[in-house]
Amino acid sequence: MTDFAAARRMMVDGQVRTADVTDQRLIAAMMELPRERFVPERGAALAYLDLDAPVTQQSGEGRRLLKPMVLAKLIQLAAVSETDRVLDVGCATGYSTALLAGLAGTVVGLEEDPALARIAQDALAGRAKAKIVTGPLVAGRSADGPYDAILLQGATEIAPQALLRQLKDGGRLVCVLGRGQSGKAMLYRMTDGVVSGRAAFDAAAPLLPGFAKPPAFVF
């Protein structure tokens, strides 16, 4: 039988702390939250490995939870405070939303797969700071905005314009831009109605539905 508490400590000490994640609130939240509860039971042993943990059975990439190191570095990059209103795009089974609920004032987890959204709703039942909503990921959730921070739980090949418009002044959006090993973690910031962006570190993540680059027209 897997000792999940020990696996969780090893994940934090071996994957998160060693990746220059120094936010003690975030480290404590990751140490406490049982990641194995957010993956299918048959895949619980994969929950703490240094990989994007699968949560669906689709062919190809399917839907996955971001590997712990990438998720932690993105959250730290977003500089989430205890008063922030956060949109968690592509929350899947709700692990990232639950994690953010321990750091922010309010978290809205957005998921377009109804089956995953139901799992997330069940997993987050009783957490007053978090709610799960359904809808197209690429459209965001303007009804609950604007947001201090927006996180994408996967990669995008396009600039997420609809999401950027849902930021407050001073708001931040973090994501992995680009597919495969060439991806870059990006920090976008809204300042006086103008968005600026910068690459923060190399990162790879599964592509989120709706965020693929349109196919180029070939003569």
C-alpha atoms as a PDB file:
ATOM      1  CA  MET A   1       0.000   0.000   0.000  1.00  0.00           C
ATOM      2  CA  THR A   2       1.343   3.424  -0.957  1.00  0.00           C
ATOM      3  CA  ASP A   3       2.227   5.766   1.889  1.00  0.00           C
ATOM      4  CA  PHE A   4       0.704   8.891   0.342  1.00  0.00           C
ATOM      5  CA  ALA A   5       1.835  11.204   3.154  1.00  0.00           C
ATOM      6  CA  ALA A   6       5.440  10.145   2.591  1.00  0.00           C
ATOM      7  CA  ALA A   7       5.001  10.443  -1.186  1.00  0.00           C
ATOM      8  CA  ARG A   8       3.644  13.949  -0.714  1.00  0.00           C
ATOM      9  CA  ARG A   9       6.663  14.986   1.361  1.00  0.00           C
ATOM     10  CA  MET A  10       8.995  13.548  -1.273  1.00  0.00           C
ATOM     11  CA  MET A  11       7.127  15.442  -4.004  1.00  0.00           C
ATOM     12  CA  VAL A  12       7.463  18.747  -2.189  1.00  0.00           C
ATOM     13  CA  ASP A  13      11.071  18.224  -1.099  1.00  0.00           C
ATOM     14  CA  GLY A  14      12.329  16.601  -4.298  1.00  0.00           C
ATOM     15  CA  GLN A  15      10.329  18.348  -7.033  1.00  0.00           C
ATOM     16  CA  VAL A  16       9.007  21.647  -5.693  1.00  0.00           C
ATOM     17  CA  ARG A  17      11.603  23.037  -3.290  1.00  0.00           C
ATOM     18  CA  THR A  18      14.450  22.106  -5.644  1.00  0.00           C
ATOM     19  CA  ALA A  19      12.803  24.118  -8.460  1.00  0.00           C
ATOM     20  CA  ASP A  20      13.295  27.454  -6.697  1.00  0.00           C
ATOM     21  CA  VAL A  21       9.792  27.498  -5.230  1.00  0.00           C
ATOM     22  CA  THR A  22      10.223  29.472  -2.004  1.00  0.00           C
ATOM     23  CA  ASP A  23       6.665  30.609  -1.223  1.00  0.00           C
ATOM     24  CA  GLN A  24       6.112  29.023   2.185  1.00  0.00           C
ATOM     25  CA  ARG A  25       2.316  29.348   2.007  1.00  0.00           C
ATOM     26  CA  LEU A  26       2.320  27.432  -1.255  1.00  0.00           C
ATOM     27  CA  ILE A  27       4.726  24.790   0.028  1.00  0.00           C
ATOM     28  CA  ALA A  28       2.565  24.244   3.118  1.00  0.00           C
ATOM     29  CA  ALA A  29      -0.596  23.971   1.003  1.00  0.00           C
ATOM     30  CA  MET A  30       0.989  21.368  -1.288  1.00  0.00           C
ATOM     31  CA  MET A  31       2.228  19.438   1.722  1.00  0.00           C
ATOM     32  CA  GLU A  32      -1.296  19.258   3.163  1.00  0.00           C
ATOM     33  CA  LEU A  33      -3.490  18.657   0.091  1.00  0.00           C
ATOM     34  CA  PRO A  34      -3.923  14.954  -0.841  1.00  0.00           C
ATOM     35  CA  ARG A  35      -3.211  14.945  -4.591  1.00  0.00           C
ATOM     36  CA  GLU A  36      -4.149  11.255  -4.848  1.00  0.00           C
ATOM     37  CA  ARG A  37      -7.809  12.176  -4.282  1.00  0.00           C
ATOM     38  CA  PHE A  38      -7.871  14.087  -7.560  1.00  0.00           C
ATOM     39  CA  VAL A  39      -6.739  11.284  -9.894  1.00  0.00           C
ATOM     40  CA  PRO A  40      -8.619   8.079 -10.814  1.00  0.00           C
ATOM     41  CA  GLU A  41      -8.195   5.420  -8.140  1.00  0.00           C
ATOM     42  CA  ARG A  42      -6.364   3.123 -10.547  1.00  0.00           C
ATOM     43  CA  GLY A  43      -3.791   5.885 -11.117  1.00  0.00           C
ATOM     44  CA  ALA A  44      -3.337   7.009  -7.514  1.00  0.00           C
ATOM     45  CA  ALA A  45       0.243   5.713  -7.482  1.00  0.00           C
ATOM     46  CA  LEU A  46       1.069   8.271 -10.221  1.00  0.00           C
ATOM     47  CA  ALA A  47      -0.220  11.244  -8.250  1.00  0.00           C
ATOM     48  CA  TYR A  48       3.137  12.300  -6.817  1.00  0.00           C
ATOM     49  CA  LEU A  49       5.450  11.445  -9.699  1.00  0.00           C
ATOM     50  CA  ASP A  50       7.227  14.122 -11.719  1.00  0.00           C
ATOM     51  CA  LEU A  51       4.734  13.977 -14.581  1.00  0.00           C
ATOM     52  CA  ASP A  52       1.400  15.330 -15.791  1.00  0.00           C
ATOM     53  CA  ALA A  53      -1.000  12.903 -14.090  1.00  0.00           C
ATOM     54  CA  PRO A  54      -3.735  11.575 -16.439  1.00  0.00           C
ATOM     55  CA  VAL A  55      -7.357  12.057 -15.359  1.00  0.00           C
ATOM     56  CA  THR A  56      -9.124  10.920 -18.548  1.00  0.00           C
ATOM     57  CA  GLN A  57      -8.805   7.902 -20.841  1.00  0.00           C
ATOM     58  CA  GLN A  58      -8.886   9.704 -24.185  1.00  0.00           C
ATOM     59  CA  SER A  59      -6.403   8.731 -26.840  1.00  0.00           C
ATOM     60  CA  GLY A  60      -3.468  11.058 -27.322  1.00  0.00           C
ATOM     61  CA  GLU A  61      -2.730  13.543 -24.571  1.00  0.00           C
ATOM     62  CA  GLY A  62      -6.158  13.476 -22.932  1.00  0.00           C
ATOM     63  CA  ARG A  63      -6.610  15.669 -19.873  1.00  0.00           C
ATOM     64  CA  ARG A  64      -3.979  15.722 -17.166  1.00  0.00           C
ATOM     65  CA  LEU A  65      -3.076  17.508 -13.965  1.00  0.00           C
ATOM     66  CA  LEU A  66       0.027  19.630 -14.420  1.00  0.00           C
ATOM     67  CA  LYS A  67       3.158  18.110 -12.958  1.00  0.00           C
ATOM     68  CA  PRO A  68       3.690  19.431  -9.412  1.00  0.00           C
ATOM     69  CA  MET A  69       6.823  21.425 -10.228  1.00  0.00           C
ATOM     70  CA  VAL A  70       5.252  23.300 -13.150  1.00  0.00           C
ATOM     71  CA  LEU A  71       2.051  24.013 -11.212  1.00  0.00           C
ATOM     72  CA  ALA A  72       3.962  25.297  -8.190  1.00  0.00           C
ATOM     73  CA  LYS A  73       6.183  27.568 -10.277  1.00  0.00           C
ATOM     74  CA  LEU A  74       3.165  28.996 -12.140  1.00  0.00           C
ATOM     75  CA  ILE A  75       1.322  29.751  -8.904  1.00  0.00           C
ATOM     76  CA  GLN A  76       4.413  31.382  -7.434  1.00  0.00           C
ATOM     77  CA  LEU A  77       4.820  33.403 -10.641  1.00  0.00           C
ATOM     78  CA  ALA A  78       1.235  34.650 -10.299  1.00  0.00           C
ATOM     79  CA  ALA A  79       2.014  35.938  -6.780  1.00  0.00           C
ATOM     80  CA  VAL A  80      -1.424  34.956  -5.454  1.00  0.00           C
ATOM     81  CA  SER A  81      -2.354  36.778  -2.243  1.00  0.00           C
ATOM     82  CA  GLU A  82      -4.982  35.963   0.387  1.00  0.00           C
ATOM     83  CA  THR A  83      -7.311  38.685  -0.937  1.00  0.00           C
ATOM     84  CA  ASP A  84      -7.095  37.800  -4.642  1.00  0.00           C
ATOM     85  CA  ARG A  85      -9.967  36.693  -6.835  1.00  0.00           C
ATOM     86  CA  VAL A  86      -8.592  33.924  -9.051  1.00  0.00           C
ATOM     87  CA  LEU A  87      -9.833  32.149 -12.185  1.00  0.00           C
ATOM     88  CA  ASP A  88      -8.465  28.614 -12.597  1.00  0.00           C
ATOM     89  CA  VAL A  89      -8.887  27.685 -16.270  1.00  0.00           C
ATOM     90  CA  GLY A  90      -9.022  23.981 -17.098  1.00  0.00           C
ATOM     91  CA  CYS A  91      -9.237  22.889 -13.477  1.00  0.00           C
ATOM     92  CA  ALA A  92     -10.043  19.256 -14.458  1.00  0.00           C
ATOM     93  CA  THR A  93     -10.727  17.317 -11.235  1.00  0.00           C
ATOM     94  CA  GLY A  94     -10.107  20.355  -9.036  1.00  0.00           C
ATOM     95  CA  TYR A  95      -6.657  19.816  -7.525  1.00  0.00           C
ATOM     96  CA  SER A  96      -5.335  23.201  -8.635  1.00  0.00           C
ATOM     97  CA  THR A  97      -8.536  24.951  -7.521  1.00  0.00           C
ATOM     98  CA  ALA A  98      -8.329  23.336  -4.089  1.00  0.00           C
ATOM     99  CA  LEU A  99      -4.683  24.349  -3.830  1.00  0.00           C
ATOM    100  CA  LEU A 100      -5.449  27.942  -4.818  1.00  0.00           C
ATOM    101  CA  ALA A 101      -8.354  28.052  -2.347  1.00  0.00           C
ATOM    102  CA  GLY A 102      -5.783  27.733   0.421  1.00  0.00           C
ATOM    103  CA  LEU A 103      -3.916  30.789  -0.880  1.00  0.00           C
ATOM    104  CA  ALA A 104      -6.473  33.211  -2.337  1.00  0.00           C
ATOM    105  CA  GLY A 105      -9.628  34.987  -1.239  1.00  0.00           C
ATOM    106  CA  THR A 106     -11.925  33.439  -3.864  1.00  0.00           C
ATOM    107  CA  VAL A 107     -11.264  30.885  -6.612  1.00  0.00           C
ATOM    108  CA  VAL A 108     -13.433  30.043  -9.620  1.00  0.00           C
ATOM    109  CA  GLY A 109     -12.499  26.743 -11.236  1.00  0.00           C
ATOM    110  CA  LEU A 110     -13.539  26.618 -14.904  1.00  0.00           C
ATOM    111  CA  GLU A 111     -13.930  23.256 -16.648  1.00  0.00           C
ATOM    112  CA  GLU A 112     -15.636  22.410 -19.936  1.00  0.00           C
ATOM    113  CA  ASP A 113     -15.726  18.617 -19.514  1.00  0.00           C
ATOM    114  CA  PRO A 114     -18.944  17.916 -17.532  1.00  0.00           C
ATOM    115  CA  ALA A 115     -17.626  14.647 -16.080  1.00  0.00           C
ATOM    116  CA  LEU A 116     -14.466  16.295 -14.775  1.00  0.00           C
ATOM    117  CA  ALA A 117     -16.463  19.253 -13.449  1.00  0.00           C
ATOM    118  CA  ARG A 118     -18.676  16.905 -11.424  1.00  0.00           C
ATOM    119  CA  ILE A 119     -15.608  15.249  -9.898  1.00  0.00           C
ATOM    120  CA  ALA A 120     -14.185  18.673  -9.027  1.00  0.00           C
ATOM    121  CA  GLN A 121     -17.475  19.808  -7.485  1.00  0.00           C
ATOM    122  CA  ASP A 122     -17.584  16.731  -5.286  1.00  0.00           C
ATOM    123  CA  ALA A 123     -13.936  17.110  -4.299  1.00  0.00           C
ATOM    124  CA  LEU A 124     -14.382  20.756  -3.329  1.00  0.00           C
ATOM    125  CA  ALA A 125     -17.709  20.399  -1.518  1.00  0.00           C
ATOM    126  CA  GLY A 126     -17.589  22.427   1.667  1.00  0.00           C
ATOM    127  CA  ARG A 127     -14.794  24.764   0.552  1.00  0.00           C
ATOM    128  CA  ALA A 128     -16.411  28.177   0.868  1.00  0.00           C
ATOM    129  CA  LYS A 129     -13.657  29.970  -1.045  1.00  0.00           C
ATOM    130  CA  ALA A 130     -13.957  27.852  -4.211  1.00  0.00           C
ATOM    131  CA  LYS A 131     -16.599  27.037  -6.778  1.00  0.00           C
ATOM    132  CA  ILE A 132     -16.594  25.044 -10.010  1.00  0.00           C
ATOM    133  CA  VAL A 133     -18.326  26.324 -13.160  1.00  0.00           C
ATOM    134  CA  THR A 134     -18.628  24.831 -16.628  1.00  0.00           C
ATOM    135  CA  GLY A 135     -18.105  26.445 -20.004  1.00  0.00           C
ATOM    136  CA  PRO A 136     -15.616  26.803 -22.859  1.00  0.00           C
ATOM    137  CA  LEU A 137     -12.146  27.269 -21.418  1.00  0.00           C
ATOM    138  CA  VAL A 138     -11.032  29.702 -24.099  1.00  0.00           C
ATOM    139  CA  ALA A 139     -13.931  32.060 -23.244  1.00  0.00           C
ATOM    140  CA  GLY A 140     -13.088  32.324 -19.561  1.00  0.00           C
ATOM    141  CA  ARG A 141     -15.753  33.335 -17.043  1.00  0.00           C
ATOM    142  CA  SER A 142     -16.444  37.062 -17.261  1.00  0.00           C
ATOM    143  CA  ALA A 143     -19.592  36.750 -15.106  1.00  0.00           C
ATOM    144  CA  ASP A 144     -17.456  36.169 -12.010  1.00  0.00           C
ATOM    145  CA  GLY A 145     -14.678  38.583 -12.913  1.00  0.00           C
ATOM    146  CA  PRO A 146     -12.691  40.682 -13.132  1.00  0.00           C
ATOM    147  CA  TYR A 147      -9.819  38.733 -11.601  1.00  0.00           C
ATOM    148  CA  ASP A 148      -6.604  39.539  -9.806  1.00  0.00           C
ATOM    149  CA  ALA A 149      -5.017  36.402 -11.214  1.00  0.00           C
ATOM    150  CA  ILE A 150      -5.826  33.858 -13.935  1.00  0.00           C
ATOM    151  CA  LEU A 151      -4.006  30.539 -14.268  1.00  0.00           C
ATOM    152  CA  LEU A 152      -4.179  28.151 -17.227  1.00  0.00           C
ATOM    153  CA  GLN A 153      -3.830  24.499 -16.234  1.00  0.00           C
ATOM    154  CA  GLY A 154      -2.203  23.527 -19.513  1.00  0.00           C
ATOM    155  CA  ALA A 155      -0.510  24.949 -22.553  1.00  0.00           C
ATOM    156  CA  THR A 156      -1.796  27.381 -25.140  1.00  0.00           C
ATOM    157  CA  GLU A 157      -0.484  28.036 -28.647  1.00  0.00           C
ATOM    158  CA  ILE A 158      -2.363  31.340 -28.914  1.00  0.00           C
ATOM    159  CA  ALA A 159      -2.408  34.522 -26.857  1.00  0.00           C
ATOM    160  CA  PRO A 160      -5.459  34.088 -24.552  1.00  0.00           C
ATOM    161  CA  GLN A 161      -7.098  37.392 -25.475  1.00  0.00           C
ATOM    162  CA  ALA A 162     -10.542  36.721 -24.001  1.00  0.00           C
ATOM    163  CA  LEU A 163      -8.957  35.792 -20.685  1.00  0.00           C
ATOM    164  CA  LEU A 164      -6.645  38.799 -20.636  1.00  0.00           C
ATOM    165  CA  ARG A 165      -9.678  41.077 -20.957  1.00  0.00           C
ATOM    166  CA  GLN A 166     -11.021  39.593 -17.719  1.00  0.00           C
ATOM    167  CA  LEU A 167      -8.094  40.840 -15.612  1.00  0.00           C
ATOM    168  CA  LYS A 168      -8.371  43.723 -13.182  1.00  0.00           C
ATOM    169  CA  ASP A 169      -5.912  46.569 -13.475  1.00  0.00           C
ATOM    170  CA  GLY A 170      -2.741  45.129 -12.004  1.00  0.00           C
ATOM    171  CA  GLY A 171      -4.001  41.595 -12.624  1.00  0.00           C
ATOM    172  CA  ARG A 172      -1.731  38.746 -13.732  1.00  0.00           C
ATOM    173  CA  LEU A 173      -2.262  35.814 -16.078  1.00  0.00           C
ATOM    174  CA  VAL A 174       0.152  32.903 -16.122  1.00  0.00           C
ATOM    175  CA  CYS A 175       0.276  30.085 -18.638  1.00  0.00           C
ATOM    176  CA  VAL A 176       2.576  27.843 -20.656  1.00  0.00           C
ATOM    177  CA  LEU A 177       2.846  29.227 -24.168  1.00  0.00           C
ATOM    178  CA  GLY A 178       3.823  26.735 -26.850  1.00  0.00           C
ATOM    179  CA  ARG A 179       3.481  22.996 -27.294  1.00  0.00           C
ATOM    180  CA  GLY A 180       5.979  20.367 -26.239  1.00  0.00           C
ATOM    181  CA  GLN A 181       9.459  20.966 -24.887  1.00  0.00           C
ATOM    182  CA  SER A 182       9.713  24.403 -26.496  1.00  0.00           C
ATOM    183  CA  GLY A 183       7.086  25.875 -24.169  1.00  0.00           C
ATOM    184  CA  LYS A 184       7.694  28.954 -22.029  1.00  0.00           C
ATOM    185  CA  ALA A 185       5.918  29.931 -18.827  1.00  0.00           C
ATOM    186  CA  MET A 186       4.535  33.407 -19.450  1.00  0.00           C
ATOM    187  CA  LEU A 187       3.497  36.168 -17.076  1.00  0.00           C
ATOM    188  CA  TYR A 188       1.047  38.695 -18.528  1.00  0.00           C
ATOM    189  CA  ARG A 189       0.103  41.824 -16.569  1.00  0.00           C
ATOM    190  CA  MET A 190      -2.703  44.351 -17.127  1.00  0.00           C
ATOM    191  CA  THR A 191      -1.643  47.927 -16.446  1.00  0.00           C
ATOM    192  CA  ASP A 192      -3.921  50.875 -17.270  1.00  0.00           C
ATOM    193  CA  GLY A 193      -5.702  48.794 -19.894  1.00  0.00           C
ATOM    194  CA  VAL A 194      -2.486  47.656 -21.581  1.00  0.00           C
ATOM    195  CA  VAL A 195      -1.208  44.082 -21.421  1.00  0.00           C
ATOM    196  CA  SER A 196       2.492  43.310 -21.246  1.00  0.00           C
ATOM    197  CA  GLY A 197       4.055  39.865 -21.150  1.00  0.00           C
ATOM    198  CA  ARG A 198       7.372  38.222 -20.427  1.00  0.00           C
ATOM    199  CA  ALA A 199       8.770  34.710 -20.507  1.00  0.00           C
ATOM    200  CA  ALA A 200       9.695  33.470 -17.026  1.00  0.00           C
ATOM    201  CA  PHE A 201      11.050  29.929 -17.419  1.00  0.00           C
ATOM    202  CA  ASP A 202      11.044  26.910 -19.728  1.00  0.00           C
ATOM    203  CA  ALA A 203       8.038  24.628 -19.215  1.00  0.00           C
ATOM    204  CA  ALA A 204       6.087  21.875 -20.953  1.00  0.00           C
ATOM    205  CA  ALA A 205       2.397  21.145 -20.421  1.00  0.00           C
ATOM    206  CA  PRO A 206      -0.444  19.330 -22.213  1.00  0.00           C
ATOM    207  CA  LEU A 207      -2.386  21.544 -24.617  1.00  0.00           C
ATOM    208  CA  LEU A 208      -5.734  22.728 -23.269  1.00  0.00           C
ATOM    209  CA  PRO A 209      -8.880  22.247 -25.412  1.00  0.00           C
ATOM    210  CA  GLY A 210      -9.588  25.316 -27.533  1.00  0.00           C
ATOM    211  CA  PHE A 211      -6.082  26.753 -27.260  1.00  0.00           C
ATOM    212  CA  ALA A 212      -4.500  25.218 -30.369  1.00  0.00           C
ATOM    213  CA  LYS A 213      -3.181  27.476 -33.096  1.00  0.00           C
ATOM    214  CA  PRO A 214      -5.529  27.489 -36.128  1.00  0.00           C
ATOM    215  CA  PRO A 215      -4.077  25.469 -39.023  1.00  0.00           C
ATOM    216  CA  ALA A 216      -2.188  27.645 -41.474  1.00  0.00           C
ATOM    217  CA  PHE A 217      -3.546  27.921 -45.016  1.00  0.00           C
ATOM    218  CA  VAL A 218      -1.235  26.187 -47.473  1.00  0.00           C
ATOM    219  CA  PHE A 219      -1.279  27.007 -51.194  1.00  0.00           C
END
